[in-house]
PDB file of N, CA and C in Angstrom:
ATOM      1  N   MET A   1     -22.911 -15.158  18.874  1.00  0.00           N
ATOM      2  CA  MET A   1     -21.717 -14.812  18.738  1.00  0.00           C
ATOM      3  C   MET A   1     -21.695 -13.282  18.376  1.00  0.00           C
ATOM      4  N   ALA A   2     -21.070 -12.465  19.344  1.00  0.00           N
ATOM      5  CA  ALA A   2     -21.104 -11.031  19.281  1.00  0.00           C
ATOM      6  C   ALA A   2     -19.813 -10.989  18.833  1.00  0.00           C
ATOM      7  N   LEU A   3     -19.599 -10.161  17.645  1.00  0.00           N
ATOM      8  CA  LEU A   3     -18.127  -9.516  17.644  1.00  0.00           C
ATOM      9  C   LEU A   3     -17.947  -8.065  18.233  1.00  0.00           C
ATOM     10  N   GLY A   4     -16.568  -8.017  18.529  1.00  0.00           N
ATOM     11  CA  GLY A   4     -16.448  -6.610  18.965  1.00  0.00           C
ATOM     12  C   GLY A   4     -15.945  -5.798  17.703  1.00  0.00           C
ATOM     13  N   ILE A   5     -16.694  -5.615  16.635  1.00  0.00           N
ATOM     14  CA  ILE A   5     -16.004  -4.890  15.444  1.00  0.00           C
ATOM     15  C   ILE A   5     -16.179  -3.401  15.873  1.00  0.00           C
ATOM     16  N   MET A   6     -15.356  -2.659  15.420  1.00  0.00           N
ATOM     17  CA  MET A   6     -14.784  -1.329  15.458  1.00  0.00           C
ATOM     18  C   MET A   6     -15.014  -0.808  14.167  1.00  0.00           C
ATOM     19  N   TYR A   7     -15.639   0.768  14.346  1.00  0.00           N
ATOM     20  CA  TYR A   7     -16.127   1.289  13.186  1.00  0.00           C
ATOM     21  C   TYR A   7     -15.407   2.512  13.273  1.00  0.00           C
ATOM     22  N   HIS A   8     -14.650   3.114  12.043  1.00  0.00           N
ATOM     23  CA  HIS A   8     -14.160   4.101  11.941  1.00  0.00           C
ATOM     24  C   HIS A   8     -15.343   5.249  12.226  1.00  0.00           C
ATOM     25  N   PRO A   9     -15.006   6.801  12.935  1.00  0.00           N
ATOM     26  CA  PRO A   9     -16.129   7.482  12.922  1.00  0.00           C
ATOM     27  C   PRO A   9     -16.602   8.023  11.877  1.00  0.00           C
ATOM     28  N   LYS A  10     -15.939   8.139  10.694  1.00  0.00           N
ATOM     29  CA  LYS A  10     -16.565   8.872   9.473  1.00  0.00           C
ATOM     30  C   LYS A  10     -16.236   7.632   8.569  1.00  0.00           C
ATOM     31  N   LEU A  11     -17.227   6.560   8.691  1.00  0.00           N
ATOM     32  CA  LEU A  11     -17.140   5.535   7.675  1.00  0.00           C
ATOM     33  C   LEU A  11     -17.629   6.184   6.418  1.00  0.00           C
ATOM     34  N   TYR A  12     -16.693   5.598   5.296  1.00  0.00           N
ATOM     35  CA  TYR A  12     -17.049   5.258   3.859  1.00  0.00           C
ATOM     36  C   TYR A  12     -18.262   4.605   3.393  1.00  0.00           C
ATOM     37  N   LEU A  13     -18.972   4.737   2.951  1.00  0.00           N
ATOM     38  CA  LEU A  13     -20.006   3.979   2.465  1.00  0.00           C
ATOM     39  C   LEU A  13     -20.311   4.260   0.848  1.00  0.00           C
ATOM     40  N   GLY A  14     -20.886   2.787   0.363  1.00  0.00           N
ATOM     41  CA  GLY A  14     -20.369   2.621  -1.114  1.00  0.00           C
ATOM     42  C   GLY A  14     -22.067   3.375  -1.400  1.00  0.00           C
ATOM     43  N   GLY A  15     -22.282   3.487  -2.662  1.00  0.00           N
ATOM     44  CA  GLY A  15     -23.498   4.087  -2.748  1.00  0.00           C
ATOM     45  C   GLY A  15     -24.657   3.454  -2.727  1.00  0.00           C
ATOM     46  N   SER A  16     -24.653   2.123  -2.590  1.00  0.00           N
ATOM     47  CA  SER A  16     -25.831   0.936  -2.539  1.00  0.00           C
ATOM     48  C   SER A  16     -26.206   0.983  -0.769  1.00  0.00           C
ATOM     49  N   ILE A  17     -25.560   1.308  -0.166  1.00  0.00           N
ATOM     50  CA  ILE A  17     -25.561   1.492   1.497  1.00  0.00           C
ATOM     51  C   ILE A  17     -25.945   2.592   1.931  1.00  0.00           C
ATOM     52  N   ARG A  18     -27.189   2.608   2.251  1.00  0.00           N
ATOM     53  CA  ARG A  18     -27.963   3.853   2.777  1.00  0.00           C
ATOM     54  C   ARG A  18     -27.743   4.204   4.188  1.00  0.00           C
ATOM     55  N   LYS A  19     -27.595   5.412   4.475  1.00  0.00           N
ATOM     56  CA  LYS A  19     -27.378   5.719   5.921  1.00  0.00           C
ATOM     57  C   LYS A  19     -28.408   5.350   6.932  1.00  0.00           C
ATOM     58  N   GLU A  20     -29.549   5.363   6.529  1.00  0.00           N
ATOM     59  CA  GLU A  20     -30.527   5.096   7.314  1.00  0.00           C
ATOM     60  C   GLU A  20     -30.630   3.511   7.998  1.00  0.00           C
ATOM     61  N   LYS A  21     -29.967   2.544   6.892  1.00  0.00           N
ATOM     62  CA  LYS A  21     -29.889   1.498   7.190  1.00  0.00           C
ATOM     63  C   LYS A  21     -28.762   0.930   7.851  1.00  0.00           C
ATOM     64  N   LEU A  22     -27.933   1.840   8.070  1.00  0.00           N
ATOM     65  CA  LEU A  22     -26.463   1.659   8.544  1.00  0.00           C
ATOM     66  C   LEU A  22     -26.544   1.019   9.982  1.00  0.00           C
ATOM     67  N   ASP A  23     -27.264   1.323  10.723  1.00  0.00           N
ATOM     68  CA  ASP A  23     -27.386   0.930  12.359  1.00  0.00           C
ATOM     69  C   ASP A  23     -27.699  -0.478  12.146  1.00  0.00           C
ATOM     70  N   ARG A  24     -28.615  -0.924  11.086  1.00  0.00           N
ATOM     71  CA  ARG A  24     -29.175  -2.143  10.999  1.00  0.00           C
ATOM     72  C   ARG A  24     -28.597  -3.452  10.485  1.00  0.00           C
ATOM     73  N   ILE A  25     -27.460  -2.705   9.746  1.00  0.00           N
ATOM     74  CA  ILE A  25     -26.278  -3.449   8.979  1.00  0.00           C
ATOM     75  C   ILE A  25     -25.155  -3.923  10.063  1.00  0.00           C
ATOM     76  N   LYS A  26     -24.936  -2.743  10.915  1.00  0.00           N
ATOM     77  CA  LYS A  26     -23.911  -2.984  11.937  1.00  0.00           C
ATOM     78  C   LYS A  26     -24.527  -4.128  12.805  1.00  0.00           C
ATOM     79  N   LYS A  27     -25.703  -4.012  13.298  1.00  0.00           N
ATOM     80  CA  LYS A  27     -26.096  -5.023  14.030  1.00  0.00           C
ATOM     81  C   LYS A  27     -26.201  -6.559  13.686  1.00  0.00           C
ATOM     82  N   LYS A  28     -26.358  -6.619  12.320  1.00  0.00           N
ATOM     83  CA  LYS A  28     -26.220  -7.641  11.741  1.00  0.00           C
ATOM     84  C   LYS A  28     -25.190  -8.254  11.543  1.00  0.00           C
ATOM     85  N   LEU A  29     -24.080  -7.525  11.397  1.00  0.00           N
ATOM     86  CA  LEU A  29     -22.792  -8.008  11.189  1.00  0.00           C
ATOM     87  C   LEU A  29     -22.523  -8.292  12.645  1.00  0.00           C
ATOM     88  N   GLU A  30     -22.686  -7.667  13.744  1.00  0.00           N
ATOM     89  CA  GLU A  30     -22.304  -8.125  15.120  1.00  0.00           C
ATOM     90  C   GLU A  30     -22.998  -9.431  15.341  1.00  0.00           C
ATOM     91  N   ARG A  31     -24.431  -9.384  15.008  1.00  0.00           N
ATOM     92  CA  ARG A  31     -25.059 -10.823  15.780  1.00  0.00           C
ATOM     93  C   ARG A  31     -25.069 -12.108  14.441  1.00  0.00           C
ATOM     94  N   ARG A  32     -25.256 -11.905  13.533  1.00  0.00           N
ATOM     95  CA  ARG A  32     -25.252 -12.887  12.112  1.00  0.00           C
ATOM     96  C   ARG A  32     -24.254 -12.340  11.385  1.00  0.00           C
ATOM     97  N   PRO A  33     -23.090 -12.629  11.311  1.00  0.00           N
ATOM     98  CA  PRO A  33     -21.860 -12.293  10.730  1.00  0.00           C
ATOM     99  C   PRO A  33     -22.200 -13.083   9.367  1.00  0.00           C
ATOM    100  N   GLY A  34     -22.772 -13.939   9.175  1.00  0.00           N
ATOM    101  CA  GLY A  34     -22.797 -14.988   8.060  1.00  0.00           C
ATOM    102  C   GLY A  34     -23.339 -14.383   6.909  1.00  0.00           C
ATOM    103  N   PHE A  35     -24.447 -13.305   7.069  1.00  0.00           N
ATOM    104  CA  PHE A  35     -25.164 -13.028   5.892  1.00  0.00           C
ATOM    105  C   PHE A  35     -24.236 -12.234   4.692  1.00  0.00           C
ATOM    106  N   SER A  36     -24.727 -12.192   3.743  1.00  0.00           N
ATOM    107  CA  SER A  36     -23.742 -11.785   2.688  1.00  0.00           C
ATOM    108  C   SER A  36     -24.656 -10.481   1.780  1.00  0.00           C
ATOM    109  N   GLY A  37     -23.625 -10.295   0.743  1.00  0.00           N
ATOM    110  CA  GLY A  37     -24.225  -8.660  -0.021  1.00  0.00           C
ATOM    111  C   GLY A  37     -23.608  -7.952   0.652  1.00  0.00           C
ATOM    112  N   VAL A  38     -22.614  -7.788   1.763  1.00  0.00           N
ATOM    113  CA  VAL A  38     -22.139  -6.762   2.102  1.00  0.00           C
ATOM    114  C   VAL A  38     -20.552  -6.745   2.167  1.00  0.00           C
ATOM    115  N   PHE A  39     -19.670  -6.000   1.914  1.00  0.00           N
ATOM    116  CA  PHE A  39     -18.240  -5.984   1.666  1.00  0.00           C
ATOM    117  C   PHE A  39     -17.623  -5.062   2.627  1.00  0.00           C
ATOM    118  N   LEU A  40     -16.698  -5.219   3.305  1.00  0.00           N
ATOM    119  CA  LEU A  40     -16.077  -4.778   4.351  1.00  0.00           C
ATOM    120  C   LEU A  40     -14.398  -4.120   3.959  1.00  0.00           C
ATOM    121  N   ILE A  41     -14.359  -2.683   4.439  1.00  0.00           N
ATOM    122  CA  ILE A  41     -12.843  -2.445   4.154  1.00  0.00           C
ATOM    123  C   ILE A  41     -12.326  -2.288   5.418  1.00  0.00           C
ATOM    124  N   SER A  42     -11.414  -2.804   5.813  1.00  0.00           N
ATOM    125  CA  SER A  42     -10.763  -2.681   6.920  1.00  0.00           C
ATOM    126  C   SER A  42      -9.538  -2.269   7.046  1.00  0.00           C
ATOM    127  N   ILE A  43      -8.617  -1.837   7.840  1.00  0.00           N
ATOM    128  CA  ILE A  43      -7.410  -1.473   8.407  1.00  0.00           C
ATOM    129  C   ILE A  43      -6.718  -2.947   8.495  1.00  0.00           C
ATOM    130  N   SER A  44      -5.637  -3.163   7.323  1.00  0.00           N
ATOM    131  CA  SER A  44      -4.949  -4.722   7.450  1.00  0.00           C
ATOM    132  C   SER A  44      -3.990  -4.777   8.883  1.00  0.00           C
ATOM    133  N   ARG A  45      -4.164  -5.879   9.200  1.00  0.00           N
ATOM    134  CA  ARG A  45      -3.219  -6.280  10.278  1.00  0.00           C
ATOM    135  C   ARG A  45      -1.916  -6.315   9.760  1.00  0.00           C
ATOM    136  N   ASN A  46      -1.776  -7.069   8.632  1.00  0.00           N
ATOM    137  CA  ASN A  46      -0.551  -7.166   8.181  1.00  0.00           C
ATOM    138  C   ASN A  46       0.418  -5.983   7.916  1.00  0.00           C
ATOM    139  N   ALA A  47       1.783  -6.166   8.166  1.00  0.00           N
ATOM    140  CA  ALA A  47       2.486  -4.775   8.090  1.00  0.00           C
ATOM    141  C   ALA A  47       2.750  -4.312   6.566  1.00  0.00           C
ATOM    142  N   SER A  48       2.447  -5.510   5.585  1.00  0.00           N
ATOM    143  CA  SER A  48       2.954  -5.106   4.187  1.00  0.00           C
ATOM    144  C   SER A  48       1.688  -4.604   3.551  1.00  0.00           C
ATOM    145  N   ASP A  49       0.624  -4.489   4.082  1.00  0.00           N
ATOM    146  CA  ASP A  49      -0.786  -4.086   3.450  1.00  0.00           C
ATOM    147  C   ASP A  49      -1.244  -3.084   4.169  1.00  0.00           C
ATOM    148  N   GLN A  50      -1.771  -2.449   3.449  1.00  0.00           N
ATOM    149  CA  GLN A  50      -2.725  -0.953   4.094  1.00  0.00           C
ATOM    150  C   GLN A  50      -4.226  -1.449   4.647  1.00  0.00           C
ATOM    151  N   LEU A  51      -4.942  -2.035   3.705  1.00  0.00           N
ATOM    152  CA  LEU A  51      -6.162  -2.190   3.889  1.00  0.00           C
ATOM    153  C   LEU A  51      -6.919  -3.616   3.054  1.00  0.00           C
ATOM    154  N   ASP A  52      -7.920  -4.155   3.837  1.00  0.00           N
ATOM    155  CA  ASP A  52      -8.299  -5.386   3.485  1.00  0.00           C
ATOM    156  C   ASP A  52      -9.854  -5.264   2.997  1.00  0.00           C
ATOM    157  N   ILE A  53     -10.128  -6.112   2.164  1.00  0.00           N
ATOM    158  CA  ILE A  53     -11.346  -5.839   1.464  1.00  0.00           C
ATOM    159  C   ILE A  53     -11.874  -7.435   1.370  1.00  0.00           C
ATOM    160  N   TYR A  54     -13.018  -7.989   2.067  1.00  0.00           N
ATOM    161  CA  TYR A  54     -13.529  -9.107   2.134  1.00  0.00           C
ATOM    162  C   TYR A  54     -15.224  -8.965   2.352  1.00  0.00           C
ATOM    163  N   GLU A  55     -15.892 -10.068   1.743  1.00  0.00           N
ATOM    164  CA  GLU A  55     -17.143  -9.948   2.400  1.00  0.00           C
ATOM    165  C   GLU A  55     -17.706 -10.281   3.656  1.00  0.00           C
ATOM    166  N   ALA A  56     -18.507  -9.758   4.175  1.00  0.00           N
ATOM    167  CA  ALA A  56     -18.843 -10.099   5.593  1.00  0.00           C
ATOM    168  C   ALA A  56     -19.206 -11.400   6.326  1.00  0.00           C
ATOM    169  N   ARG A  57     -19.465 -12.470   5.257  1.00  0.00           N
ATOM    170  CA  ARG A  57     -19.331 -13.504   5.832  1.00  0.00           C
ATOM    171  C   ARG A  57     -18.467 -14.332   6.223  1.00  0.00           C
ATOM    172  N   GLN A  58     -17.325 -13.638   5.907  1.00  0.00           N
ATOM    173  CA  GLN A  58     -15.819 -14.458   6.410  1.00  0.00           C
ATOM    174  C   GLN A  58     -16.019 -14.083   8.064  1.00  0.00           C
ATOM    175  N   LEU A  59     -16.635 -13.069   8.532  1.00  0.00           N
ATOM    176  CA  LEU A  59     -16.638 -12.763   9.731  1.00  0.00           C
ATOM    177  C   LEU A  59     -16.946 -13.851  10.713  1.00  0.00           C
ATOM    178  N   CYS A  60     -17.779 -14.997  10.045  1.00  0.00           N
ATOM    179  CA  CYS A  60     -17.965 -16.335  10.746  1.00  0.00           C
ATOM    180  C   CYS A  60     -16.624 -16.937  10.794  1.00  0.00           C
ATOM    181  N   GLN A  61     -15.676 -16.854  10.588  1.00  0.00           N
ATOM    182  CA  GLN A  61     -14.340 -17.497  10.658  1.00  0.00           C
ATOM    183  C   GLN A  61     -13.863 -17.377  12.472  1.00  0.00           C
ATOM    184  N   SER A  62     -13.522 -18.061  13.120  1.00  0.00           N
ATOM    185  CA  SER A  62     -13.070 -18.002  14.486  1.00  0.00           C
ATOM    186  C   SER A  62     -11.874 -16.968  14.641  1.00  0.00           C
ATOM    187  N   TYR A  63     -10.981 -16.541  13.513  1.00  0.00           N
ATOM    188  CA  TYR A  63     -10.202 -15.701  13.877  1.00  0.00           C
ATOM    189  C   TYR A  63     -10.871 -14.237  14.109  1.00  0.00           C
ATOM    190  N   TYR A  64     -11.789 -13.898  13.584  1.00  0.00           N
ATOM    191  CA  TYR A  64     -12.155 -12.718  13.991  1.00  0.00           C
ATOM    192  C   TYR A  64     -13.021 -12.254  14.991  1.00  0.00           C
ATOM    193  N   ARG A  65     -13.149 -13.585  15.921  1.00  0.00           N
ATOM    194  CA  ARG A  65     -13.933 -13.316  17.115  1.00  0.00           C
ATOM    195  C   ARG A  65     -12.718 -13.132  18.097  1.00  0.00           C
ATOM    196  N   LYS A  66     -11.315 -13.645  17.915  1.00  0.00           N
ATOM    197  CA  LYS A  66     -10.571 -13.156  18.649  1.00  0.00           C
ATOM    198  C   LYS A  66      -9.673 -11.582  18.134  1.00  0.00           C
ATOM    199  N   TYR A  67      -9.611 -11.504  16.949  1.00  0.00           N
ATOM    200  CA  TYR A  67      -9.378 -10.501  16.481  1.00  0.00           C
ATOM    201  C   TYR A  67     -10.347  -9.242  15.331  1.00  0.00           C
ATOM    202  N   PRO A  68     -11.115  -8.621  15.998  1.00  0.00           N
ATOM    203  CA  PRO A  68     -12.335  -8.215  15.386  1.00  0.00           C
ATOM    204  C   PRO A  68     -11.520  -6.877  14.431  1.00  0.00           C
ATOM    205  N   PRO A  69     -12.259  -6.745  13.242  1.00  0.00           N
ATOM    206  CA  PRO A  69     -11.501  -5.780  12.282  1.00  0.00           C
ATOM    207  C   PRO A  69     -11.986  -4.296  12.818  1.00  0.00           C
ATOM    208  N   PHE A  70     -11.046  -3.397  12.186  1.00  0.00           N
ATOM    209  CA  PHE A  70     -11.472  -1.738  12.233  1.00  0.00           C
ATOM    210  C   PHE A  70     -11.915  -1.460  11.006  1.00  0.00           C
ATOM    211  N   VAL A  71     -13.313  -1.475  10.882  1.00  0.00           N
ATOM    212  CA  VAL A  71     -14.072  -1.371   9.684  1.00  0.00           C
ATOM    213  C   VAL A  71     -13.917   0.433   9.189  1.00  0.00           C
ATOM    214  N   VAL A  72     -13.204   0.378   7.838  1.00  0.00           N
ATOM    215  CA  VAL A  72     -13.280   1.649   7.637  1.00  0.00           C
ATOM    216  C   VAL A  72     -14.211   2.195   6.394  1.00  0.00           C
ATOM    217  N   GLY A  73     -14.641   1.137   5.756  1.00  0.00           N
ATOM    218  CA  GLY A  73     -15.540   1.280   4.878  1.00  0.00           C
ATOM    219  C   GLY A  73     -16.759   0.031   4.681  1.00  0.00           C
ATOM    220  N   ILE A  74     -17.816   0.260   4.417  1.00  0.00           N
ATOM    221  CA  ILE A  74     -18.735  -0.558   3.946  1.00  0.00           C
ATOM    222  C   ILE A  74     -19.445  -0.435   2.216  1.00  0.00           C
ATOM    223  N   ALA A  75     -19.403  -1.513   1.667  1.00  0.00           N
ATOM    224  CA  ALA A  75     -20.004  -1.439   0.249  1.00  0.00           C
ATOM    225  C   ALA A  75     -20.983  -2.959   0.093  1.00  0.00           C
ATOM    226  N   GLY A  76     -21.846  -2.772  -1.278  1.00  0.00           N
ATOM    227  CA  GLY A  76     -22.445  -3.777  -1.330  1.00  0.00           C
ATOM    228  C   GLY A  76     -21.913  -4.869  -2.288  1.00  0.00           C
ATOM    229  N   SER A  77     -20.816  -4.160  -2.599  1.00  0.00           N
ATOM    230  CA  SER A  77     -20.144  -5.384  -3.913  1.00  0.00           C
ATOM    231  C   SER A  77     -18.609  -5.058  -4.001  1.00  0.00           C
ATOM    232  N   ARG A  78     -17.969  -5.830  -4.346  1.00  0.00           N
ATOM    233  CA  ARG A  78     -16.740  -5.706  -4.865  1.00  0.00           C
ATOM    234  C   ARG A  78     -16.258  -4.496  -5.246  1.00  0.00           C
ATOM    235  N   GLU A  79     -16.832  -4.558  -6.382  1.00  0.00           N
ATOM    236  CA  GLU A  79     -16.688  -2.993  -7.066  1.00  0.00           C
ATOM    237  C   GLU A  79     -17.098  -1.870  -6.528  1.00  0.00           C
ATOM    238  N   GLU A  80     -17.809  -1.941  -5.790  1.00  0.00           N
ATOM    239  CA  GLU A  80     -18.311  -0.582  -5.064  1.00  0.00           C
ATOM    240  C   GLU A  80     -16.822  -0.461  -3.873  1.00  0.00           C
ATOM    241  N   ALA A  81     -16.355  -1.582  -3.434  1.00  0.00           N
ATOM    242  CA  ALA A  81     -15.627  -1.550  -2.414  1.00  0.00           C
ATOM    243  C   ALA A  81     -14.560  -0.816  -2.799  1.00  0.00           C
ATOM    244  N   LEU A  82     -13.943  -1.278  -4.291  1.00  0.00           N
ATOM    245  CA  LEU A  82     -12.742  -0.898  -5.010  1.00  0.00           C
ATOM    246  C   LEU A  82     -13.136   0.895  -5.183  1.00  0.00           C
ATOM    247  N   GLN A  83     -14.004   1.237  -5.479  1.00  0.00           N
ATOM    248  CA  GLN A  83     -14.739   2.712  -5.583  1.00  0.00           C
ATOM    249  C   GLN A  83     -14.193   3.480  -4.268  1.00  0.00           C
ATOM    250  N   LEU A  84     -14.461   2.532  -3.393  1.00  0.00           N
ATOM    251  CA  LEU A  84     -14.281   3.407  -1.867  1.00  0.00           C
ATOM    252  C   LEU A  84     -12.771   3.673  -1.689  1.00  0.00           C
ATOM    253  N   VAL A  85     -12.150   2.844  -1.860  1.00  0.00           N
ATOM    254  CA  VAL A  85     -10.525   2.685  -1.685  1.00  0.00           C
ATOM    255  C   VAL A  85     -10.201   3.188  -2.479  1.00  0.00           C
ATOM    256  N   GLU A  86     -10.484   3.819  -3.869  1.00  0.00           N
ATOM    257  CA  GLU A  86      -9.963   5.197  -4.614  1.00  0.00           C
ATOM    258  C   GLU A  86     -10.283   6.407  -4.020  1.00  0.00           C
ATOM    259  N   ARG A  87     -11.585   6.506  -3.411  1.00  0.00           N
ATOM    260  CA  ARG A  87     -11.683   7.822  -2.891  1.00  0.00           C
ATOM    261  C   ARG A  87     -10.909   7.780  -1.574  1.00  0.00           C
ATOM    262  N   MET A  88     -10.840   6.946  -1.038  1.00  0.00           N
ATOM    263  CA  MET A  88     -10.144   7.054   0.309  1.00  0.00           C
ATOM    264  C   MET A  88      -8.797   7.207   0.193  1.00  0.00           C
ATOM    265  N   VAL A  89      -7.936   6.889  -1.375  1.00  0.00           N
ATOM    266  CA  VAL A  89      -6.632   7.203  -1.630  1.00  0.00           C
ATOM    267  C   VAL A  89      -6.581   8.644  -1.918  1.00  0.00           C
ATOM    268  N   THR A  90      -7.556   9.200  -2.777  1.00  0.00           N
ATOM    269  CA  THR A  90      -7.835  10.219  -2.977  1.00  0.00           C
ATOM    270  C   THR A  90      -7.720  11.564  -1.932  1.00  0.00           C
ATOM    271  N   ASP A  91      -8.445  11.150  -1.082  1.00  0.00           N
ATOM    272  CA  ASP A  91      -8.617  11.710   0.171  1.00  0.00           C
ATOM    273  C   ASP A  91      -7.621  11.789   1.058  1.00  0.00           C
ATOM    274  N   CYS A  92      -6.742  11.004   0.895  1.00  0.00           N
ATOM    275  CA  CYS A  92      -5.529  10.917   1.700  1.00  0.00           C
ATOM    276  C   CYS A  92      -4.369  11.724   0.916  1.00  0.00           C
ATOM    277  N   LEU A  93      -4.345  11.683  -0.111  1.00  0.00           N
ATOM    278  CA  LEU A  93      -3.623  12.526  -1.048  1.00  0.00           C
ATOM    279  C   LEU A  93      -3.859  14.011  -0.867  1.00  0.00           C
ATOM    280  N   ARG A  94      -5.226  14.358  -0.978  1.00  0.00           N
ATOM    281  CA  ARG A  94      -5.475  15.653  -0.945  1.00  0.00           C
ATOM    282  C   ARG A  94      -4.749  16.044   0.361  1.00  0.00           C
ATOM    283  N   ASP A  95      -5.394  15.631   1.565  1.00  0.00           N
ATOM    284  CA  ASP A  95      -5.261  15.818   2.862  1.00  0.00           C
ATOM    285  C   ASP A  95      -3.688  15.697   3.440  1.00  0.00           C
ATOM    286  N   ARG A  96      -2.812  14.856   3.038  1.00  0.00           N
ATOM    287  CA  ARG A  96      -1.482  14.550   3.525  1.00  0.00           C
ATOM    288  C   ARG A  96      -0.713  14.727   2.616  1.00  0.00           C
ATOM    289  N   GLY A  97      -0.985  14.715   1.164  1.00  0.00           N
ATOM    290  CA  GLY A  97       0.017  14.423   0.408  1.00  0.00           C
ATOM    291  C   GLY A  97       0.889  13.108   0.181  1.00  0.00           C
ATOM    292  N   ASP A  98       0.399  12.361   0.798  1.00  0.00           N
ATOM    293  CA  ASP A  98       0.964  10.852   0.798  1.00  0.00           C
ATOM    294  C   ASP A  98      -0.280   9.772   0.657  1.00  0.00           C
ATOM    295  N   CYS A  99       0.106   8.455   0.545  1.00  0.00           N
ATOM    296  CA  CYS A  99      -0.593   7.271   0.682  1.00  0.00           C
ATOM    297  C   CYS A  99      -0.523   6.651   1.821  1.00  0.00           C
ATOM    298  N   ALA A 100      -0.075   7.204   3.067  1.00  0.00           N
ATOM    299  CA  ALA A 100      -0.227   6.477   4.013  1.00  0.00           C
ATOM    300  C   ALA A 100      -1.671   6.291   4.765  1.00  0.00           C
ATOM    301  N   LEU A 101      -2.269   5.311   4.004  1.00  0.00           N
ATOM    302  CA  LEU A 101      -3.871   5.350   4.535  1.00  0.00           C
ATOM    303  C   LEU A 101      -3.906   4.645   5.837  1.00  0.00           C
ATOM    304  N   LYS A 102      -3.121   3.806   6.499  1.00  0.00           N
ATOM    305  CA  LYS A 102      -3.572   3.218   7.963  1.00  0.00           C
ATOM    306  C   LYS A 102      -3.123   4.582   8.746  1.00  0.00           C
ATOM    307  N   GLU A 103      -2.516   5.423   8.840  1.00  0.00           N
ATOM    308  CA  GLU A 103      -2.056   6.457   9.561  1.00  0.00           C
ATOM    309  C   GLU A 103      -3.275   7.405   9.328  1.00  0.00           C
ATOM    310  N   TYR A 104      -3.538   7.959   8.167  1.00  0.00           N
ATOM    311  CA  TYR A 104      -4.631   8.687   7.599  1.00  0.00           C
ATOM    312  C   TYR A 104      -6.001   7.926   8.148  1.00  0.00           C
ATOM    313  N   LEU A 105      -6.439   6.955   8.258  1.00  0.00           N
ATOM    314  CA  LEU A 105      -7.584   6.477   8.476  1.00  0.00           C
ATOM    315  C   LEU A 105      -7.833   6.308   9.943  1.00  0.00           C
ATOM    316  N   ARG A 106      -6.554   6.273  10.806  1.00  0.00           N
ATOM    317  CA  ARG A 106      -6.767   5.892  12.034  1.00  0.00           C
ATOM    318  C   ARG A 106      -6.771   7.156  13.124  1.00  0.00           C
ATOM    319  N   CYS A 107      -6.706   8.494  12.380  1.00  0.00           N
ATOM    320  CA  CYS A 107      -6.764   9.826  12.763  1.00  0.00           C
ATOM    321  C   CYS A 107      -8.253  10.173  13.189  1.00  0.00           C
TER     322      CYS A 107
END
């Protein structure tokens, strides 16, 4: 079951995710999305939310085969994912002066 996950070109990575293992993590997410220990931050499809945080094993649900996520961050834990979101907000405020994360991260 291959998913069509798209990744942000400047992917935010948590401290426990090493760059040299990133390609291997991406391949695992595509081929065997049921593996745990990785949290994904993606742009929300919901108009009222900006980002979604979920554990990678949620990709096993059939919804994600039909609607693959646009991943902007990968973390090793929920706490680490929240820290990444905080960093994204800080970067967005610094660069744009607002918190329009969807627009900022799609650039």
